[in-house]
Amino acid sequence: MFAPMNTRPGYRSHLRPRTREGWIALVAFLLLFALAMPPVTHTVLDRVEPWILGMPFLYVALLTVYVALIGVLIWAYRRNV
């Protein structure tokens, strides 16, 4: 009488991007987010010298990564991804 819940025809997960721009935004966000995580931050970006605009290199690098992450989110929002 009733079909099982897991056999709906045409069901697509909302967690997977459906457009090319969606995949680009997802991959860009994940790669940029990986730059802010401890394995990369502690091995590559963990330097005080050189000072840039009066701030240590680590702070400038993380600020750049965070601004780029926000930029990806804004780009995806404007493209209606």
C-alpha atoms as a PDB file:
ATOM      1  CA  MET A   1       0.000   0.000   0.000  1.00  0.00           C
ATOM      2  CA  PHE A   2       2.765   2.473   0.942  1.00  0.00           C
ATOM      3  CA  ALA A   3       6.213   2.616  -0.622  1.00  0.00           C
ATOM      4  CA  PRO A   4       9.198   2.478   1.731  1.00  0.00           C
ATOM      5  CA  MET A   5      10.742   5.864   2.559  1.00  0.00           C
ATOM      6  CA  ASN A   6      14.091   5.107   0.946  1.00  0.00           C
ATOM      7  CA  THR A   7      12.705   4.255  -2.513  1.00  0.00           C
ATOM      8  CA  ARG A   8      11.440   7.671  -3.574  1.00  0.00           C
ATOM      9  CA  PRO A   9      12.021   8.215  -7.291  1.00  0.00           C
ATOM     10  CA  GLY A  10      14.229  11.151  -8.226  1.00  0.00           C
ATOM     11  CA  TYR A  11      15.405  11.924  -4.695  1.00  0.00           C
ATOM     12  CA  ARG A  12      18.589  13.978  -4.580  1.00  0.00           C
ATOM     13  CA  SER A  13      20.347  14.935  -1.415  1.00  0.00           C
ATOM     14  CA  HIS A  14      20.373  18.624  -0.530  1.00  0.00           C
ATOM     15  CA  LEU A  15      23.943  18.205   0.723  1.00  0.00           C
ATOM     16  CA  ARG A  16      25.384  17.615  -2.772  1.00  0.00           C
ATOM     17  CA  PRO A  17      25.752  20.627  -5.083  1.00  0.00           C
ATOM     18  CA  ARG A  18      23.582  20.437  -8.179  1.00  0.00           C
ATOM     19  CA  THR A  19      25.327  22.955 -10.411  1.00  0.00           C
ATOM     20  CA  ARG A  20      28.857  23.510 -11.650  1.00  0.00           C
ATOM     21  CA  GLU A  21      29.069  26.755  -9.674  1.00  0.00           C
ATOM     22  CA  GLY A  22      27.967  24.850  -6.585  1.00  0.00           C
ATOM     23  CA  TRP A  23      30.805  22.366  -6.962  1.00  0.00           C
ATOM     24  CA  ILE A  24      33.292  25.186  -7.552  1.00  0.00           C
ATOM     25  CA  ALA A  25      32.091  26.996  -4.438  1.00  0.00           C
ATOM     26  CA  LEU A  26      32.235  23.805  -2.355  1.00  0.00           C
ATOM     27  CA  VAL A  27      35.746  22.848  -3.439  1.00  0.00           C
ATOM     28  CA  ALA A  28      37.060  26.410  -3.066  1.00  0.00           C
ATOM     29  CA  PHE A  29      35.530  26.737   0.390  1.00  0.00           C
ATOM     30  CA  LEU A  30      36.921  23.387   1.577  1.00  0.00           C
ATOM     31  CA  LEU A  31      40.415  24.128   0.249  1.00  0.00           C
ATOM     32  CA  LEU A  32      40.473  27.571   1.824  1.00  0.00           C
ATOM     33  CA  PHE A  33      39.061  26.196   5.056  1.00  0.00           C
ATOM     34  CA  ALA A  34      41.843  23.591   5.128  1.00  0.00           C
ATOM     35  CA  LEU A  35      44.360  26.460   5.116  1.00  0.00           C
ATOM     36  CA  ALA A  36      42.887  27.744   8.380  1.00  0.00           C
ATOM     37  CA  MET A  37      43.099  24.381  10.159  1.00  0.00           C
ATOM     38  CA  PRO A  38      45.956  23.468  12.511  1.00  0.00           C
ATOM     39  CA  PRO A  39      47.982  21.032  10.389  1.00  0.00           C
ATOM     40  CA  VAL A  40      48.556  23.635   7.691  1.00  0.00           C
ATOM     41  CA  THR A  41      48.541  26.618  10.022  1.00  0.00           C
ATOM     42  CA  HIS A  42      51.142  25.125  12.360  1.00  0.00           C
ATOM     43  CA  THR A  43      53.477  23.896   9.631  1.00  0.00           C
ATOM     44  CA  VAL A  44      53.253  26.484   6.859  1.00  0.00           C
ATOM     45  CA  LEU A  45      51.860  29.695   8.313  1.00  0.00           C
ATOM     46  CA  ASP A  46      53.326  29.604  11.830  1.00  0.00           C
ATOM     47  CA  ARG A  47      55.832  32.435  11.456  1.00  0.00           C
ATOM     48  CA  VAL A  48      56.074  35.790  13.141  1.00  0.00           C
ATOM     49  CA  GLU A  49      58.497  37.321  10.659  1.00  0.00           C
ATOM     50  CA  PRO A  50      57.996  39.149   8.325  1.00  0.00           C
ATOM     51  CA  TRP A  51      55.794  41.815   9.830  1.00  0.00           C
ATOM     52  CA  ILE A  52      53.182  43.136   7.406  1.00  0.00           C
ATOM     53  CA  LEU A  53      51.503  46.457   8.209  1.00  0.00           C
ATOM     54  CA  GLY A  54      52.553  46.112  11.837  1.00  0.00           C
ATOM     55  CA  MET A  55      51.058  42.620  12.237  1.00  0.00           C
ATOM     56  CA  PRO A  56      52.823  39.243  12.348  1.00  0.00           C
ATOM     57  CA  PHE A  57      52.695  37.125   9.192  1.00  0.00           C
ATOM     58  CA  LEU A  58      50.426  34.527  10.826  1.00  0.00           C
ATOM     59  CA  TYR A  59      47.696  37.080  11.533  1.00  0.00           C
ATOM     60  CA  VAL A  60      47.857  38.531   8.035  1.00  0.00           C
ATOM     61  CA  ALA A  61      47.768  35.072   6.453  1.00  0.00           C
ATOM     62  CA  LEU A  62      44.778  33.964   8.531  1.00  0.00           C
ATOM     63  CA  LEU A  63      42.977  37.247   7.875  1.00  0.00           C
ATOM     64  CA  THR A  64      43.514  36.705   4.146  1.00  0.00           C
ATOM     65  CA  VAL A  65      42.157  33.165   4.342  1.00  0.00           C
ATOM     66  CA  TYR A  66      39.091  34.247   6.323  1.00  0.00           C
ATOM     67  CA  VAL A  67      38.357  37.111   3.917  1.00  0.00           C
ATOM     68  CA  ALA A  68      38.670  34.672   1.003  1.00  0.00           C
ATOM     69  CA  LEU A  69      36.237  32.281   2.729  1.00  0.00           C
ATOM     70  CA  ILE A  70      33.717  35.084   3.122  1.00  0.00           C
ATOM     71  CA  GLY A  71      34.318  36.011  -0.509  1.00  0.00           C
ATOM     72  CA  VAL A  72      33.462  32.470  -1.637  1.00  0.00           C
ATOM     73  CA  LEU A  73      30.247  32.573   0.388  1.00  0.00           C
ATOM     74  CA  ILE A  74      29.276  35.938  -1.103  1.00  0.00           C
ATOM     75  CA  TRP A  75      30.085  34.682  -4.610  1.00  0.00           C
ATOM     76  CA  ALA A  76      27.935  31.593  -4.097  1.00  0.00           C
ATOM     77  CA  TYR A  77      25.084  33.700  -2.701  1.00  0.00           C
ATOM     78  CA  ARG A  78      25.151  36.096  -5.655  1.00  0.00           C
ATOM     79  CA  ARG A  79      25.113  33.168  -8.112  1.00  0.00           C
ATOM     80  CA  ASN A  80      22.124  31.653  -6.272  1.00  0.00           C
ATOM     81  CA  VAL A  81      23.986  28.415  -5.731  1.00  0.00           C
END
